[in-house]
Amino acid sequence: MKTALIQHKSYKTEEQTIQKSLELIQKAALDGAELIVLQELHQNRYFCINEDTNNFKLAQNWQNDLKFWSEVAEKNKIVLVTSLFEKRTAGIYHNTAVVFEKDGSIAGKYRKMHIPDDPGFYEKFYFTPGDLGFEPIQTSIGKLGVLICWDQWFPEAARLMALKGAKILIYPTAIGWFYEDNEEEKQRQLDAWITVQRGHAIANNLPLISVNRVGKESDNLGQIDGIRFWGNSFIAGAQGEFLAKASSNKEEIIICDIDLKESEKTREIWPFFRDRRIESYKNLNKRYIN
């Protein structure tokens, strides 16, 4: 399965940012990509950097967004993984990945389940936690286990997608460094982010895609100096090996052939699912075990 990761920065306007996405999508499609994955909230700057009710206006065109990206998928004959700001109703908004089929139809969607609330990542202010569960999305190229960013740190999410038959794990992402962090701390954070995701690939014998944005972004009120999104989008194989990796500071299209049959071969030599002691895991549904 020829797959493309679109890693780019945010531009001054939504129109400019979307135009950049379109240019890169078209290039990837011409290169034969069947599956194209965009970064988290790719239509705009990362607005969750601060709390501002004006930002809810960014979700007002939700239905038009669906129509637009549907047409992009159909025109380029691709399976397209998008990440959009969904307005469900007044006061209820979601961080939602929508997967479009090659004919433009909606194959399925996933509403982000784990919602962070940290300085510069005030997502709880904007997003209601997802209520669709961890359900793989069936497409013409296979079942996709689509999750979003903060979900990356939770092995339970990846495991449930795998147990339900996902053939690949996919994470649209927006994560970066604060400028006040020293170089050692920045490297620790990046290493942790990469390592935990490679661990999900290994533990579930599945290939994994992670697509991050690049470039510096600041809030619209001048309250935060900014986040430098660290790029490093990558594809890992079913044993956690790097199949492709982007830079930390460039806009790039990463194209890679992913052999989905490798998972079956890997599970034959590393049968983690066979050896799970499911009768002993019942306490995993508790917040903490005293």
C-alpha atoms as a PDB file:
ATOM      1  CA  MET A   1       0.000   0.000   0.000  1.00  0.00           C
ATOM      2  CA  LYS A   2       1.638   3.206  -1.167  1.00  0.00           C
ATOM      3  CA  THR A   3       1.176   5.753   1.611  1.00  0.00           C
ATOM      4  CA  ALA A   4       1.946   9.468   1.876  1.00  0.00           C
ATOM      5  CA  LEU A   5       2.379  11.618   4.993  1.00  0.00           C
ATOM      6  CA  ILE A   6       1.850  15.349   4.515  1.00  0.00           C
ATOM      7  CA  GLN A   7       3.961  17.399   6.940  1.00  0.00           C
ATOM      8  CA  HIS A   8       3.752  21.183   6.654  1.00  0.00           C
ATOM      9  CA  LYS A   9       3.435  24.422   8.571  1.00  0.00           C
ATOM     10  CA  SER A  10       0.475  26.707   9.164  1.00  0.00           C
ATOM     11  CA  TYR A  11       0.201  29.821   7.006  1.00  0.00           C
ATOM     12  CA  LYS A  12      -1.283  33.248   7.727  1.00  0.00           C
ATOM     13  CA  THR A  13      -4.776  32.337   6.579  1.00  0.00           C
ATOM     14  CA  GLU A  14      -6.889  29.210   6.423  1.00  0.00           C
ATOM     15  CA  GLU A  15      -7.078  29.545   2.644  1.00  0.00           C
ATOM     16  CA  GLN A  16      -3.276  29.607   2.288  1.00  0.00           C
ATOM     17  CA  THR A  17      -2.864  26.653   4.641  1.00  0.00           C
ATOM     18  CA  ILE A  18      -5.436  24.561   2.792  1.00  0.00           C
ATOM     19  CA  GLN A  19      -3.866  25.475  -0.541  1.00  0.00           C
ATOM     20  CA  LYS A  20      -0.520  24.120   0.673  1.00  0.00           C
ATOM     21  CA  SER A  21      -2.221  20.892   1.741  1.00  0.00           C
ATOM     22  CA  LEU A  22      -3.832  20.588  -1.694  1.00  0.00           C
ATOM     23  CA  GLU A  23      -0.538  21.106  -3.502  1.00  0.00           C
ATOM     24  CA  LEU A  24       1.147  18.375  -1.471  1.00  0.00           C
ATOM     25  CA  ILE A  25      -1.817  16.007  -1.774  1.00  0.00           C
ATOM     26  CA  GLN A  26      -1.822  16.368  -5.555  1.00  0.00           C
ATOM     27  CA  LYS A  27       1.899  15.674  -5.740  1.00  0.00           C
ATOM     28  CA  ALA A  28       1.539  12.591  -3.551  1.00  0.00           C
ATOM     29  CA  ALA A  29      -1.397  11.303  -5.593  1.00  0.00           C
ATOM     30  CA  LEU A  30       0.544  11.753  -8.831  1.00  0.00           C
ATOM     31  CA  ASP A  31       3.329   9.704  -7.250  1.00  0.00           C
ATOM     32  CA  GLY A  32       0.846   6.874  -6.777  1.00  0.00           C
ATOM     33  CA  ALA A  33      -0.153   7.228  -3.118  1.00  0.00           C
ATOM     34  CA  GLU A  34      -3.368   5.349  -2.306  1.00  0.00           C
ATOM     35  CA  LEU A  35      -3.544   6.490   1.316  1.00  0.00           C
ATOM     36  CA  ILE A  36      -2.737  10.089   2.279  1.00  0.00           C
ATOM     37  CA  VAL A  37      -2.683  11.230   5.906  1.00  0.00           C
ATOM     38  CA  LEU A  38      -2.830  14.870   7.018  1.00  0.00           C
ATOM     39  CA  GLN A  39      -1.701  16.345  10.348  1.00  0.00           C
ATOM     40  CA  GLU A  40      -3.959  17.239  13.264  1.00  0.00           C
ATOM     41  CA  LEU A  41      -6.315  20.220  12.709  1.00  0.00           C
ATOM     42  CA  HIS A  42      -4.579  20.825   9.395  1.00  0.00           C
ATOM     43  CA  GLN A  43      -6.885  23.574   8.116  1.00  0.00           C
ATOM     44  CA  ASN A  44      -5.644  26.255  10.501  1.00  0.00           C
ATOM     45  CA  ARG A  45      -3.011  27.249  12.988  1.00  0.00           C
ATOM     46  CA  TYR A  46      -3.082  25.225  16.191  1.00  0.00           C
ATOM     47  CA  PHE A  47      -5.674  27.456  17.858  1.00  0.00           C
ATOM     48  CA  CYS A  48      -5.679  25.478  21.144  1.00  0.00           C
ATOM     49  CA  ILE A  49      -2.499  27.310  22.147  1.00  0.00           C
ATOM     50  CA  ASN A  50      -4.782  29.635  24.138  1.00  0.00           C
ATOM     51  CA  GLU A  51      -8.391  29.844  25.343  1.00  0.00           C
ATOM     52  CA  ASP A  52     -10.454  32.176  23.163  1.00  0.00           C
ATOM     53  CA  THR A  53     -14.168  31.740  22.466  1.00  0.00           C
ATOM     54  CA  ASN A  54     -13.698  33.424  19.071  1.00  0.00           C
ATOM     55  CA  ASN A  55     -11.928  30.278  17.940  1.00  0.00           C
ATOM     56  CA  PHE A  56     -15.195  28.337  17.984  1.00  0.00           C
ATOM     57  CA  LYS A  57     -16.012  30.177  14.764  1.00  0.00           C
ATOM     58  CA  LEU A  58     -13.417  27.944  13.084  1.00  0.00           C
ATOM     59  CA  ALA A  59     -15.912  25.067  13.335  1.00  0.00           C
ATOM     60  CA  GLN A  60     -18.829  26.930  11.774  1.00  0.00           C
ATOM     61  CA  ASN A  61     -18.130  25.518   8.307  1.00  0.00           C
ATOM     62  CA  TRP A  62     -18.033  21.869   9.428  1.00  0.00           C
ATOM     63  CA  GLN A  63     -20.486  20.642   6.774  1.00  0.00           C
ATOM     64  CA  ASN A  64     -18.709  22.589   4.050  1.00  0.00           C
ATOM     65  CA  ASP A  65     -15.394  21.138   5.228  1.00  0.00           C
ATOM     66  CA  LEU A  66     -16.765  17.622   4.800  1.00  0.00           C
ATOM     67  CA  LYS A  67     -17.922  18.401   1.271  1.00  0.00           C
ATOM     68  CA  PHE A  68     -14.608  20.029   0.361  1.00  0.00           C
ATOM     69  CA  TRP A  69     -12.370  17.175   1.505  1.00  0.00           C
ATOM     70  CA  SER A  70     -14.750  14.635   0.020  1.00  0.00           C
ATOM     71  CA  GLU A  71     -14.214  16.255  -3.357  1.00  0.00           C
ATOM     72  CA  VAL A  72     -10.434  16.273  -2.817  1.00  0.00           C
ATOM     73  CA  ALA A  73     -10.425  12.531  -2.108  1.00  0.00           C
ATOM     74  CA  GLU A  74     -12.617  11.792  -5.127  1.00  0.00           C
ATOM     75  CA  LYS A  75     -10.665  14.018  -7.501  1.00  0.00           C
ATOM     76  CA  ASN A  76      -7.343  12.434  -6.516  1.00  0.00           C
ATOM     77  CA  LYS A  77      -8.787   8.904  -6.158  1.00  0.00           C
ATOM     78  CA  ILE A  78      -7.265   8.433  -2.706  1.00  0.00           C
ATOM     79  CA  VAL A  79      -8.240   7.291   0.752  1.00  0.00           C
ATOM     80  CA  LEU A  80      -7.758  10.519   2.713  1.00  0.00           C
ATOM     81  CA  VAL A  81      -7.390  10.857   6.495  1.00  0.00           C
ATOM     82  CA  THR A  82      -8.325  14.374   7.608  1.00  0.00           C
ATOM     83  CA  SER A  83      -8.430  16.037  11.022  1.00  0.00           C
ATOM     84  CA  LEU A  84     -11.224  18.599  11.420  1.00  0.00           C
ATOM     85  CA  PHE A  85     -12.886  20.818  14.016  1.00  0.00           C
ATOM     86  CA  GLU A  86     -16.400  19.411  14.301  1.00  0.00           C
ATOM     87  CA  LYS A  87     -19.340  21.461  15.501  1.00  0.00           C
ATOM     88  CA  ARG A  88     -21.883  18.903  16.657  1.00  0.00           C
ATOM     89  CA  THR A  89     -24.280  21.438  18.142  1.00  0.00           C
ATOM     90  CA  ALA A  90     -24.063  24.648  20.145  1.00  0.00           C
ATOM     91  CA  GLY A  91     -21.564  24.081  22.955  1.00  0.00           C
ATOM     92  CA  ILE A  92     -20.456  20.621  21.788  1.00  0.00           C
ATOM     93  CA  TYR A  93     -17.363  20.466  19.604  1.00  0.00           C
ATOM     94  CA  HIS A  94     -15.045  17.593  18.765  1.00  0.00           C
ATOM     95  CA  ASN A  95     -11.531  17.087  17.443  1.00  0.00           C
ATOM     96  CA  THR A  96     -12.521  14.672  14.697  1.00  0.00           C
ATOM     97  CA  ALA A  97     -10.648  12.585  12.145  1.00  0.00           C
ATOM     98  CA  VAL A  98     -12.766  11.919   9.067  1.00  0.00           C
ATOM     99  CA  VAL A  99     -11.676   9.261   6.569  1.00  0.00           C
ATOM    100  CA  PHE A 100     -12.814   9.667   2.966  1.00  0.00           C
ATOM    101  CA  GLU A 101     -12.950   6.874   0.397  1.00  0.00           C
ATOM    102  CA  LYS A 102     -11.579   7.094  -3.139  1.00  0.00           C
ATOM    103  CA  ASP A 103     -15.064   7.914  -4.410  1.00  0.00           C
ATOM    104  CA  GLY A 104     -15.448  10.767  -1.934  1.00  0.00           C
ATOM    105  CA  SER A 105     -17.804   8.957   0.428  1.00  0.00           C
ATOM    106  CA  ILE A 106     -17.177   9.073   4.175  1.00  0.00           C
ATOM    107  CA  ALA A 107     -15.732   5.731   5.258  1.00  0.00           C
ATOM    108  CA  GLY A 108     -15.952   6.691   8.923  1.00  0.00           C
ATOM    109  CA  LYS A 109     -14.839   9.093  11.601  1.00  0.00           C
ATOM    110  CA  TYR A 110     -13.134   9.068  14.973  1.00  0.00           C
ATOM    111  CA  ARG A 111     -13.630  11.657  17.698  1.00  0.00           C
ATOM    112  CA  LYS A 112     -10.541  12.215  19.827  1.00  0.00           C
ATOM    113  CA  MET A 113     -10.954  10.421  23.145  1.00  0.00           C
ATOM    114  CA  HIS A 114      -8.022  11.625  25.257  1.00  0.00           C
ATOM    115  CA  ILE A 115      -8.108  15.417  25.569  1.00  0.00           C
ATOM    116  CA  PRO A 116      -5.055  17.235  26.992  1.00  0.00           C
ATOM    117  CA  ASP A 117      -5.060  20.390  29.098  1.00  0.00           C
ATOM    118  CA  ASP A 118      -1.551  21.784  29.395  1.00  0.00           C
ATOM    119  CA  PRO A 119      -0.003  25.229  28.874  1.00  0.00           C
ATOM    120  CA  GLY A 120      -0.215  25.877  25.148  1.00  0.00           C
ATOM    121  CA  PHE A 121      -2.432  22.816  24.596  1.00  0.00           C
ATOM    122  CA  TYR A 122      -5.776  23.906  26.050  1.00  0.00           C
ATOM    123  CA  GLU A 123      -7.874  21.334  24.241  1.00  0.00           C
ATOM    124  CA  LYS A 124     -10.319  20.682  27.072  1.00  0.00           C
ATOM    125  CA  PHE A 125     -11.567  24.237  26.563  1.00  0.00           C
ATOM    126  CA  TYR A 126     -12.561  23.392  22.984  1.00  0.00           C
ATOM    127  CA  PHE A 127     -13.250  19.685  22.661  1.00  0.00           C
ATOM    128  CA  THR A 128     -15.775  17.331  24.199  1.00  0.00           C
ATOM    129  CA  PRO A 129     -14.219  13.851  24.614  1.00  0.00           C
ATOM    130  CA  GLY A 130     -15.142  11.471  21.834  1.00  0.00           C
ATOM    131  CA  ASP A 131     -18.087   9.091  22.195  1.00  0.00           C
ATOM    132  CA  LEU A 132     -17.545   6.794  19.200  1.00  0.00           C
ATOM    133  CA  GLY A 133     -15.114   4.516  21.001  1.00  0.00           C
ATOM    134  CA  PHE A 134     -12.040   2.934  19.478  1.00  0.00           C
ATOM    135  CA  GLU A 135     -13.467   1.533  16.263  1.00  0.00           C
ATOM    136  CA  PRO A 136     -11.342   0.825  13.169  1.00  0.00           C
ATOM    137  CA  ILE A 137     -12.610   2.364   9.938  1.00  0.00           C
ATOM    138  CA  GLN A 138     -13.155  -0.023   7.038  1.00  0.00           C
ATOM    139  CA  THR A 139     -11.831   1.284   3.718  1.00  0.00           C
ATOM    140  CA  SER A 140     -11.060  -0.160   0.309  1.00  0.00           C
ATOM    141  CA  ILE A 141      -7.412  -0.538   1.351  1.00  0.00           C
ATOM    142  CA  GLY A 142      -8.080  -2.148   4.733  1.00  0.00           C
ATOM    143  CA  LYS A 143      -9.198  -1.366   8.272  1.00  0.00           C
ATOM    144  CA  LEU A 144      -7.587   1.815   9.605  1.00  0.00           C
ATOM    145  CA  GLY A 145      -7.076   2.330  13.339  1.00  0.00           C
ATOM    146  CA  VAL A 146      -7.279   6.118  13.367  1.00  0.00           C
ATOM    147  CA  LEU A 147      -6.464   7.904  16.640  1.00  0.00           C
ATOM    148  CA  ILE A 148      -5.374  11.500  17.305  1.00  0.00           C
ATOM    149  CA  CYS A 149      -2.299  13.031  18.958  1.00  0.00           C
ATOM    150  CA  TRP A 150      -2.735  12.753  22.765  1.00  0.00           C
ATOM    151  CA  ASP A 151      -4.106   9.258  22.169  1.00  0.00           C
ATOM    152  CA  GLN A 152      -0.497   8.390  21.262  1.00  0.00           C
ATOM    153  CA  TRP A 153       0.464   8.064  24.911  1.00  0.00           C
ATOM    154  CA  PHE A 154      -2.181   5.488  25.813  1.00  0.00           C
ATOM    155  CA  PRO A 155      -1.447   1.829  24.998  1.00  0.00           C
ATOM    156  CA  GLU A 156      -5.070   0.892  25.681  1.00  0.00           C
ATOM    157  CA  ALA A 157      -6.275   2.830  22.627  1.00  0.00           C
ATOM    158  CA  ALA A 158      -3.823   1.163  20.269  1.00  0.00           C
ATOM    159  CA  ARG A 159      -4.562  -2.271  21.737  1.00  0.00           C
ATOM    160  CA  LEU A 160      -8.328  -1.938  21.335  1.00  0.00           C
ATOM    161  CA  MET A 161      -7.924  -0.858  17.717  1.00  0.00           C
ATOM    162  CA  ALA A 162      -5.691  -3.867  17.094  1.00  0.00           C
ATOM    163  CA  LEU A 163      -8.061  -6.287  18.858  1.00  0.00           C
ATOM    164  CA  LYS A 164     -10.874  -5.053  16.610  1.00  0.00           C
ATOM    165  CA  GLY A 165      -8.935  -5.863  13.463  1.00  0.00           C
ATOM    166  CA  ALA A 166      -7.145  -2.646  12.514  1.00  0.00           C
ATOM    167  CA  LYS A 167      -4.420  -3.327   9.948  1.00  0.00           C
ATOM    168  CA  ILE A 168      -2.525  -0.123  10.664  1.00  0.00           C
ATOM    169  CA  LEU A 169      -2.428   2.555  13.401  1.00  0.00           C
ATOM    170  CA  ILE A 170      -2.652   6.196  12.299  1.00  0.00           C
ATOM    171  CA  TYR A 171      -2.068   9.316  14.408  1.00  0.00           C
ATOM    172  CA  PRO A 172      -2.618  12.838  13.010  1.00  0.00           C
ATOM    173  CA  THR A 173      -0.603  14.987  15.437  1.00  0.00           C
ATOM    174  CA  ALA A 174       0.248  18.504  16.632  1.00  0.00           C
ATOM    175  CA  ILE A 175       3.100  18.448  19.128  1.00  0.00           C
ATOM    176  CA  GLY A 176       6.145  20.617  19.611  1.00  0.00           C
ATOM    177  CA  TRP A 177       8.624  22.320  21.885  1.00  0.00           C
ATOM    178  CA  PHE A 178       8.309  25.458  23.973  1.00  0.00           C
ATOM    179  CA  TYR A 179      11.182  27.823  23.376  1.00  0.00           C
ATOM    180  CA  GLU A 180      12.075  28.058  27.058  1.00  0.00           C
ATOM    181  CA  ASP A 181      12.873  24.329  27.234  1.00  0.00           C
ATOM    182  CA  ASN A 182      16.583  23.507  27.095  1.00  0.00           C
ATOM    183  CA  GLU A 183      17.994  21.250  24.393  1.00  0.00           C
ATOM    184  CA  GLU A 184      18.271  18.220  26.665  1.00  0.00           C
ATOM    185  CA  GLU A 185      14.604  18.465  27.664  1.00  0.00           C
ATOM    186  CA  LYS A 186      13.558  18.904  24.037  1.00  0.00           C
ATOM    187  CA  GLN A 187      15.421  15.764  23.048  1.00  0.00           C
ATOM    188  CA  ARG A 188      13.878  13.782  25.915  1.00  0.00           C
ATOM    189  CA  GLN A 189      10.394  14.806  24.834  1.00  0.00           C
ATOM    190  CA  LEU A 190      10.980  13.932  21.193  1.00  0.00           C
ATOM    191  CA  ASP A 191      12.546  10.588  22.062  1.00  0.00           C
ATOM    192  CA  ALA A 192       9.629   9.731  24.354  1.00  0.00           C
ATOM    193  CA  TRP A 193       7.088  10.605  21.655  1.00  0.00           C
ATOM    194  CA  ILE A 194       8.788   8.428  19.061  1.00  0.00           C
ATOM    195  CA  THR A 195       9.525   5.567  21.448  1.00  0.00           C
ATOM    196  CA  VAL A 196       6.007   5.177  22.841  1.00  0.00           C
ATOM    197  CA  GLN A 197       4.541   4.981  19.352  1.00  0.00           C
ATOM    198  CA  ARG A 198       7.105   2.491  18.137  1.00  0.00           C
ATOM    199  CA  GLY A 199       6.131   0.509  21.225  1.00  0.00           C
ATOM    200  CA  HIS A 200       2.492   0.468  20.078  1.00  0.00           C
ATOM    201  CA  ALA A 201       3.595  -0.871  16.702  1.00  0.00           C
ATOM    202  CA  ILE A 202       5.690  -3.594  18.347  1.00  0.00           C
ATOM    203  CA  ALA A 203       3.152  -4.603  21.007  1.00  0.00           C
ATOM    204  CA  ASN A 204       0.385  -4.933  18.431  1.00  0.00           C
ATOM    205  CA  ASN A 205       2.485  -6.223  15.499  1.00  0.00           C
ATOM    206  CA  LEU A 206       1.113  -3.410  13.330  1.00  0.00           C
ATOM    207  CA  PRO A 207       2.602  -0.719  11.103  1.00  0.00           C
ATOM    208  CA  LEU A 208       2.072   2.781  12.472  1.00  0.00           C
ATOM    209  CA  ILE A 209       1.823   6.230  10.900  1.00  0.00           C
ATOM    210  CA  SER A 210       2.376   9.464  12.827  1.00  0.00           C
ATOM    211  CA  VAL A 211       1.990  12.813  11.021  1.00  0.00           C
ATOM    212  CA  ASN A 212       3.054  16.008  12.791  1.00  0.00           C
ATOM    213  CA  ARG A 213       3.173  19.651  11.760  1.00  0.00           C
ATOM    214  CA  VAL A 214       6.282  21.881  11.595  1.00  0.00           C
ATOM    215  CA  GLY A 215       7.065  25.532  12.133  1.00  0.00           C
ATOM    216  CA  LYS A 216       6.548  28.077  14.902  1.00  0.00           C
ATOM    217  CA  GLU A 217       3.021  29.047  15.907  1.00  0.00           C
ATOM    218  CA  SER A 218       1.921  31.617  18.488  1.00  0.00           C
ATOM    219  CA  ASP A 219      -1.447  32.450  19.971  1.00  0.00           C
ATOM    220  CA  ASN A 220      -3.590  35.228  18.524  1.00  0.00           C
ATOM    221  CA  LEU A 221      -3.479  37.292  21.732  1.00  0.00           C
ATOM    222  CA  GLY A 222       0.272  37.521  22.203  1.00  0.00           C
ATOM    223  CA  GLN A 223       0.152  35.713  25.550  1.00  0.00           C
ATOM    224  CA  ILE A 224       2.448  32.831  24.624  1.00  0.00           C
ATOM    225  CA  ASP A 225       5.785  33.167  22.840  1.00  0.00           C
ATOM    226  CA  GLY A 226       5.033  30.128  20.758  1.00  0.00           C
ATOM    227  CA  ILE A 227       5.404  26.452  20.073  1.00  0.00           C
ATOM    228  CA  ARG A 228       7.873  25.095  17.545  1.00  0.00           C
ATOM    229  CA  PHE A 229       6.209  22.002  16.161  1.00  0.00           C
ATOM    230  CA  TRP A 230       8.909  19.382  15.795  1.00  0.00           C
ATOM    231  CA  GLY A 231       7.876  17.505  12.664  1.00  0.00           C
ATOM    232  CA  ASN A 232       9.597  14.103  12.667  1.00  0.00           C
ATOM    233  CA  SER A 233       6.571  12.443  11.060  1.00  0.00           C
ATOM    234  CA  PHE A 234       7.313   8.767  10.552  1.00  0.00           C
ATOM    235  CA  ILE A 235       6.143   5.330   9.558  1.00  0.00           C
ATOM    236  CA  ALA A 236       7.134   2.333  11.656  1.00  0.00           C
ATOM    237  CA  GLY A 237       6.808  -1.311  10.677  1.00  0.00           C
ATOM    238  CA  ALA A 238       5.235  -4.144  12.640  1.00  0.00           C
ATOM    239  CA  GLN A 239       8.471  -4.637  14.615  1.00  0.00           C
ATOM    240  CA  GLY A 240       8.846  -0.929  15.334  1.00  0.00           C
ATOM    241  CA  GLU A 241      11.469  -0.390  12.647  1.00  0.00           C
ATOM    242  CA  PHE A 242      11.541   2.938  10.827  1.00  0.00           C
ATOM    243  CA  LEU A 243      10.226   2.627   7.288  1.00  0.00           C
ATOM    244  CA  ALA A 244      10.303   6.367   6.616  1.00  0.00           C
ATOM    245  CA  LYS A 245      10.998   9.510   8.645  1.00  0.00           C
ATOM    246  CA  ALA A 246      10.692  13.248   8.043  1.00  0.00           C
ATOM    247  CA  SER A 247      12.902  16.081   9.239  1.00  0.00           C
ATOM    248  CA  SER A 248      12.260  18.319  12.235  1.00  0.00           C
ATOM    249  CA  ASN A 249      11.882  21.565  10.323  1.00  0.00           C
ATOM    250  CA  LYS A 250      10.903  21.045   6.665  1.00  0.00           C
ATOM    251  CA  GLU A 251       7.634  20.769   4.815  1.00  0.00           C
ATOM    252  CA  GLU A 252       7.716  17.323   3.264  1.00  0.00           C
ATOM    253  CA  ILE A 253       5.820  14.540   1.591  1.00  0.00           C
ATOM    254  CA  ILE A 254       6.946  11.197   2.954  1.00  0.00           C
ATOM    255  CA  ILE A 255       5.976   8.346   0.636  1.00  0.00           C
ATOM    256  CA  CYS A 256       6.415   4.730   1.606  1.00  0.00           C
ATOM    257  CA  ASP A 257       5.171   1.317   0.527  1.00  0.00           C
ATOM    258  CA  ILE A 258       3.639  -0.484   3.500  1.00  0.00           C
ATOM    259  CA  ASP A 259       3.236  -4.247   3.300  1.00  0.00           C
ATOM    260  CA  LEU A 260       0.195  -5.028   5.435  1.00  0.00           C
ATOM    261  CA  LYS A 261       0.968  -8.759   5.195  1.00  0.00           C
ATOM    262  CA  GLU A 262       4.049  -8.252   7.368  1.00  0.00           C
ATOM    263  CA  SER A 263       1.835  -8.103  10.445  1.00  0.00           C
ATOM    264  CA  GLU A 264       0.699 -11.678   9.994  1.00  0.00           C
ATOM    265  CA  LYS A 265       4.270 -12.868   9.553  1.00  0.00           C
ATOM    266  CA  THR A 266       5.350 -10.935  12.640  1.00  0.00           C
ATOM    267  CA  ARG A 267       2.525 -12.363  14.753  1.00  0.00           C
ATOM    268  CA  GLU A 268       3.673 -15.853  13.828  1.00  0.00           C
ATOM    269  CA  ILE A 269       7.101 -15.250  15.367  1.00  0.00           C
ATOM    270  CA  TRP A 270       6.013 -12.832  18.125  1.00  0.00           C
ATOM    271  CA  PRO A 271       2.559 -14.161  19.152  1.00  0.00           C
ATOM    272  CA  PHE A 272       1.745 -11.520  21.726  1.00  0.00           C
ATOM    273  CA  PHE A 273      -1.991 -11.878  21.169  1.00  0.00           C
ATOM    274  CA  ARG A 274      -1.816 -15.630  21.796  1.00  0.00           C
ATOM    275  CA  ASP A 275      -0.049 -15.165  25.134  1.00  0.00           C
ATOM    276  CA  ARG A 276      -2.204 -12.411  26.593  1.00  0.00           C
ATOM    277  CA  ARG A 277      -3.564 -13.411  30.029  1.00  0.00           C
ATOM    278  CA  ILE A 278      -6.966 -11.846  29.504  1.00  0.00           C
ATOM    279  CA  GLU A 279      -8.402 -13.422  32.652  1.00  0.00           C
ATOM    280  CA  SER A 280      -5.967 -11.339  34.712  1.00  0.00           C
ATOM    281  CA  TYR A 281      -6.504  -7.896  33.170  1.00  0.00           C
ATOM    282  CA  LYS A 282      -9.928  -6.993  34.578  1.00  0.00           C
ATOM    283  CA  ASN A 283      -8.558  -4.236  36.827  1.00  0.00           C
ATOM    284  CA  LEU A 284      -7.418  -2.233  33.809  1.00  0.00           C
ATOM    285  CA  ASN A 285     -10.819  -0.538  33.753  1.00  0.00           C
ATOM    286  CA  LYS A 286     -10.099   1.132  37.108  1.00  0.00           C
ATOM    287  CA  ARG A 287      -8.655   4.628  37.464  1.00  0.00           C
ATOM    288  CA  TYR A 288      -6.139   3.451  40.061  1.00  0.00           C
ATOM    289  CA  ILE A 289      -5.702   0.250  42.043  1.00  0.00           C
ATOM    290  CA  ASN A 290      -5.351   1.038  45.746  1.00  0.00           C
END
